[in-house]
Amino acid sequence: MNLKNKIPPPIVTLVFAALIFFSTELTPDIVFSGQNLISLFFMIAGLIVLLIAISAFIKFKTTINPLKPEQASSLVMTGIFKFSRNPMYLGMLLLILSLWIKTGAILGFILVPGFMAYMNYFQILPEERAMKALFSDKYDAYCQQVRRWL
């Protein structure tokens, strides 16, 4: 099966965020003490992770375009990439978690894992194939040392 990454991940993130946000109109919400503070923590963490990952790609002068991973000029394995092979997607996940916590949307229990499944299947797997083709054994060794998400 030929999986293709056709929708930019920021758009996918916005779609899932909108689904979480608007689902609060359809179902009861979960409300708990400290909800806003915890949400803020995840939002800040998500933004920091995203910015660090983007700056690493800029530093190594490799493509940041998620729809054309075959244009990567180097395999980034340092910094935040020592902990996650996909820190940009991890940052997006943290932002979605932040919104889920903020809204208390019950459907978040389905939508957050749905986001991860979508990203794994339609974005990460095609990128992994491209990285394997470009960086072969070096990428295999990296995959053995670093997890896909965290």
C-alpha atoms as a PDB file:
ATOM      1  CA  MET A   1       0.000   0.000   0.000  1.00  0.00           C
ATOM      2  CA  ASN A   2       1.317   3.400  -0.967  1.00  0.00           C
ATOM      3  CA  LEU A   3       0.616   5.863   1.817  1.00  0.00           C
ATOM      4  CA  LYS A   4       0.883   9.513   0.878  1.00  0.00           C
ATOM      5  CA  ASN A   5       1.208  12.575   3.019  1.00  0.00           C
ATOM      6  CA  LYS A   6      -1.030  15.041   1.180  1.00  0.00           C
ATOM      7  CA  ILE A   7      -2.457  17.277   3.894  1.00  0.00           C
ATOM      8  CA  PRO A   8       0.022  19.523   5.730  1.00  0.00           C
ATOM      9  CA  PRO A   9       0.283  18.511   9.410  1.00  0.00           C
ATOM     10  CA  PRO A  10      -0.599  22.003  10.675  1.00  0.00           C
ATOM     11  CA  ILE A  11      -3.904  21.735   8.758  1.00  0.00           C
ATOM     12  CA  VAL A  12      -4.536  18.270  10.223  1.00  0.00           C
ATOM     13  CA  THR A  13      -3.814  19.700  13.674  1.00  0.00           C
ATOM     14  CA  LEU A  14      -6.265  22.550  13.110  1.00  0.00           C
ATOM     15  CA  VAL A  15      -8.973  20.133  11.919  1.00  0.00           C
ATOM     16  CA  PHE A  16      -8.604  17.928  14.998  1.00  0.00           C
ATOM     17  CA  ALA A  17      -8.484  21.015  17.243  1.00  0.00           C
ATOM     18  CA  ALA A  18     -11.707  22.298  15.646  1.00  0.00           C
ATOM     19  CA  LEU A  19     -13.357  18.902  16.132  1.00  0.00           C
ATOM     20  CA  ILE A  20     -12.403  18.955  19.807  1.00  0.00           C
ATOM     21  CA  PHE A  21     -13.534  22.539  20.239  1.00  0.00           C
ATOM     22  CA  PHE A  22     -16.893  22.152  18.519  1.00  0.00           C
ATOM     23  CA  SER A  23     -17.595  18.750  20.067  1.00  0.00           C
ATOM     24  CA  THR A  24     -18.182  20.503  23.378  1.00  0.00           C
ATOM     25  CA  GLU A  25     -21.532  21.620  21.968  1.00  0.00           C
ATOM     26  CA  LEU A  26     -22.598  18.005  21.450  1.00  0.00           C
ATOM     27  CA  THR A  27     -21.544  16.291  24.674  1.00  0.00           C
ATOM     28  CA  PRO A  28     -21.071  17.109  28.350  1.00  0.00           C
ATOM     29  CA  ASP A  29     -17.672  18.490  29.335  1.00  0.00           C
ATOM     30  CA  ILE A  30     -15.246  17.312  31.971  1.00  0.00           C
ATOM     31  CA  VAL A  31     -14.501  20.051  34.495  1.00  0.00           C
ATOM     32  CA  PHE A  32     -11.850  19.796  37.197  1.00  0.00           C
ATOM     33  CA  SER A  33      -9.725  21.964  39.436  1.00  0.00           C
ATOM     34  CA  GLY A  34      -6.562  23.306  37.828  1.00  0.00           C
ATOM     35  CA  GLN A  35      -7.867  22.657  34.334  1.00  0.00           C
ATOM     36  CA  ASN A  36      -6.736  26.019  32.939  1.00  0.00           C
ATOM     37  CA  LEU A  37      -3.273  25.784  34.492  1.00  0.00           C
ATOM     38  CA  ILE A  38      -2.677  22.259  33.195  1.00  0.00           C
ATOM     39  CA  SER A  39      -3.916  23.318  29.761  1.00  0.00           C
ATOM     40  CA  LEU A  40      -1.538  26.286  29.779  1.00  0.00           C
ATOM     41  CA  PHE A  41       1.374  23.999  30.710  1.00  0.00           C
ATOM     42  CA  PHE A  42       0.681  21.683  27.747  1.00  0.00           C
ATOM     43  CA  MET A  43       0.263  24.646  25.393  1.00  0.00           C
ATOM     44  CA  ILE A  44       3.588  26.189  26.402  1.00  0.00           C
ATOM     45  CA  ALA A  45       5.331  22.801  26.249  1.00  0.00           C
ATOM     46  CA  GLY A  46       3.895  22.173  22.775  1.00  0.00           C
ATOM     47  CA  LEU A  47       5.037  25.550  21.467  1.00  0.00           C
ATOM     48  CA  ILE A  48       8.525  25.114  22.938  1.00  0.00           C
ATOM     49  CA  VAL A  49       8.902  21.618  21.453  1.00  0.00           C
ATOM     50  CA  LEU A  50       7.754  22.882  18.047  1.00  0.00           C
ATOM     51  CA  LEU A  51      10.091  25.868  18.062  1.00  0.00           C
ATOM     52  CA  ILE A  52      13.108  23.832  19.167  1.00  0.00           C
ATOM     53  CA  ALA A  53      12.462  21.232  16.446  1.00  0.00           C
ATOM     54  CA  ILE A  54      11.991  23.849  13.727  1.00  0.00           C
ATOM     55  CA  SER A  55      15.163  25.674  14.776  1.00  0.00           C
ATOM     56  CA  ALA A  56      17.114  22.383  14.578  1.00  0.00           C
ATOM     57  CA  PHE A  57      15.961  21.865  10.976  1.00  0.00           C
ATOM     58  CA  ILE A  58      16.970  25.437  10.152  1.00  0.00           C
ATOM     59  CA  LYS A  59      20.356  24.956  11.840  1.00  0.00           C
ATOM     60  CA  PHE A  60      21.047  21.817   9.790  1.00  0.00           C
ATOM     61  CA  LYS A  61      19.689  23.491   6.629  1.00  0.00           C
ATOM     62  CA  THR A  62      17.295  20.682   5.827  1.00  0.00           C
ATOM     63  CA  THR A  63      13.746  20.876   4.554  1.00  0.00           C
ATOM     64  CA  ILE A  64      10.931  21.669   6.914  1.00  0.00           C
ATOM     65  CA  ASN A  65       8.304  20.796   4.285  1.00  0.00           C
ATOM     66  CA  PRO A  66       6.461  17.725   5.628  1.00  0.00           C
ATOM     67  CA  LEU A  67       4.960  16.984   2.208  1.00  0.00           C
ATOM     68  CA  LYS A  68       8.377  16.503   0.609  1.00  0.00           C
ATOM     69  CA  PRO A  69      10.510  14.508   3.074  1.00  0.00           C
ATOM     70  CA  GLU A  70      12.574  13.144   0.185  1.00  0.00           C
ATOM     71  CA  GLN A  71      14.166  16.614  -0.051  1.00  0.00           C
ATOM     72  CA  ALA A  72      15.844  16.232   3.348  1.00  0.00           C
ATOM     73  CA  SER A  73      19.524  17.067   3.109  1.00  0.00           C
ATOM     74  CA  SER A  74      20.547  15.771   6.524  1.00  0.00           C
ATOM     75  CA  LEU A  75      19.301  13.462   9.254  1.00  0.00           C
ATOM     76  CA  VAL A  76      18.884  15.485  12.453  1.00  0.00           C
ATOM     77  CA  MET A  77      19.638  13.278  15.471  1.00  0.00           C
ATOM     78  CA  THR A  78      20.808  15.778  18.076  1.00  0.00           C
ATOM     79  CA  GLY A  79      19.067  18.031  20.565  1.00  0.00           C
ATOM     80  CA  ILE A  80      15.360  17.300  20.898  1.00  0.00           C
ATOM     81  CA  PHE A  81      15.696  14.650  18.184  1.00  0.00           C
ATOM     82  CA  LYS A  82      17.541  12.479  20.723  1.00  0.00           C
ATOM     83  CA  PHE A  83      14.209  12.039  22.534  1.00  0.00           C
ATOM     84  CA  SER A  84      11.674  11.966  19.702  1.00  0.00           C
ATOM     85  CA  ARG A  85      11.991  11.190  15.998  1.00  0.00           C
ATOM     86  CA  ASN A  86       9.009  13.483  15.397  1.00  0.00           C
ATOM     87  CA  PRO A  87       9.180  16.384  17.843  1.00  0.00           C
ATOM     88  CA  MET A  88       7.203  18.698  15.559  1.00  0.00           C
ATOM     89  CA  TYR A  89       4.294  16.270  15.603  1.00  0.00           C
ATOM     90  CA  LEU A  90       4.790  15.793  19.333  1.00  0.00           C
ATOM     91  CA  GLY A  91       4.502  19.575  19.737  1.00  0.00           C
ATOM     92  CA  MET A  92       1.280  19.546  17.712  1.00  0.00           C
ATOM     93  CA  LEU A  93      -0.036  16.699  19.864  1.00  0.00           C
ATOM     94  CA  LEU A  94       0.737  18.685  23.022  1.00  0.00           C
ATOM     95  CA  LEU A  95      -1.210  21.640  21.607  1.00  0.00           C
ATOM     96  CA  ILE A  96      -4.199  19.398  20.900  1.00  0.00           C
ATOM     97  CA  LEU A  97      -3.932  17.946  24.405  1.00  0.00           C
ATOM     98  CA  SER A  98      -3.911  21.481  25.750  1.00  0.00           C
ATOM     99  CA  LEU A  99      -7.142  22.304  23.943  1.00  0.00           C
ATOM    100  CA  TRP A 100      -8.711  19.034  25.042  1.00  0.00           C
ATOM    101  CA  ILE A 101      -7.879  19.757  28.665  1.00  0.00           C
ATOM    102  CA  LYS A 102      -9.069  23.371  28.365  1.00  0.00           C
ATOM    103  CA  THR A 103     -12.433  22.421  26.838  1.00  0.00           C
ATOM    104  CA  GLY A 104     -12.915  19.163  28.734  1.00  0.00           C
ATOM    105  CA  ALA A 105     -14.426  17.674  25.573  1.00  0.00           C
ATOM    106  CA  ILE A 106     -15.493  14.064  26.120  1.00  0.00           C
ATOM    107  CA  LEU A 107     -14.842  13.275  22.437  1.00  0.00           C
ATOM    108  CA  GLY A 108     -11.193  14.123  23.061  1.00  0.00           C
ATOM    109  CA  PHE A 109     -10.839  10.555  24.316  1.00  0.00           C
ATOM    110  CA  ILE A 110     -11.390   9.496  20.701  1.00  0.00           C
ATOM    111  CA  LEU A 111     -10.023  12.503  18.809  1.00  0.00           C
ATOM    112  CA  VAL A 112      -6.583  12.702  20.457  1.00  0.00           C
ATOM    113  CA  PRO A 113      -5.728   9.030  19.751  1.00  0.00           C
ATOM    114  CA  GLY A 114      -7.339   9.570  16.334  1.00  0.00           C
ATOM    115  CA  PHE A 115      -4.889  12.397  15.660  1.00  0.00           C
ATOM    116  CA  MET A 116      -1.973  10.162  16.598  1.00  0.00           C
ATOM    117  CA  ALA A 117      -3.250   7.317  14.434  1.00  0.00           C
ATOM    118  CA  TYR A 118      -3.783   9.648  11.474  1.00  0.00           C
ATOM    119  CA  MET A 119      -0.311  11.162  11.830  1.00  0.00           C
ATOM    120  CA  ASN A 120       1.323   7.747  12.178  1.00  0.00           C
ATOM    121  CA  TYR A 121      -0.406   6.294   9.144  1.00  0.00           C
ATOM    122  CA  PHE A 122      -0.541   9.187   6.686  1.00  0.00           C
ATOM    123  CA  GLN A 123       2.419  11.356   7.705  1.00  0.00           C
ATOM    124  CA  ILE A 124       5.034   9.542   9.747  1.00  0.00           C
ATOM    125  CA  LEU A 125       5.143   6.227   7.850  1.00  0.00           C
ATOM    126  CA  PRO A 126       5.690   7.947   4.464  1.00  0.00           C
ATOM    127  CA  GLU A 127       8.372  10.132   6.050  1.00  0.00           C
ATOM    128  CA  GLU A 128      10.059   7.087   7.553  1.00  0.00           C
ATOM    129  CA  ARG A 129      10.182   5.411   4.144  1.00  0.00           C
ATOM    130  CA  ALA A 130      11.752   8.552   2.669  1.00  0.00           C
ATOM    131  CA  MET A 131      14.330   8.755   5.470  1.00  0.00           C
ATOM    132  CA  LYS A 132      15.163   5.065   5.047  1.00  0.00           C
ATOM    133  CA  ALA A 133      15.704   5.604   1.324  1.00  0.00           C
ATOM    134  CA  LEU A 134      17.900   8.650   1.932  1.00  0.00           C
ATOM    135  CA  PHE A 135      19.883   7.617   4.995  1.00  0.00           C
ATOM    136  CA  SER A 136      19.631   3.782   5.006  1.00  0.00           C
ATOM    137  CA  ASP A 137      21.545   2.110   7.860  1.00  0.00           C
ATOM    138  CA  LYS A 138      22.104   5.400   9.682  1.00  0.00           C
ATOM    139  CA  TYR A 139      18.332   5.906   9.888  1.00  0.00           C
ATOM    140  CA  ASP A 140      17.768   2.288  10.966  1.00  0.00           C
ATOM    141  CA  ALA A 141      20.237   2.752  13.836  1.00  0.00           C
ATOM    142  CA  TYR A 142      18.540   6.017  14.800  1.00  0.00           C
ATOM    143  CA  CYS A 143      15.131   4.287  14.871  1.00  0.00           C
ATOM    144  CA  GLN A 144      16.539   1.647  17.206  1.00  0.00           C
ATOM    145  CA  GLN A 145      17.699   4.338  19.633  1.00  0.00           C
ATOM    146  CA  VAL A 146      14.865   6.887  19.534  1.00  0.00           C
ATOM    147  CA  ARG A 147      11.110   6.348  19.758  1.00  0.00           C
ATOM    148  CA  ARG A 148       8.666   7.662  17.189  1.00  0.00           C
ATOM    149  CA  TRP A 149       6.791  10.021  19.547  1.00  0.00           C
ATOM    150  CA  LEU A 150       8.524  10.110  22.923  1.00  0.00           C
END
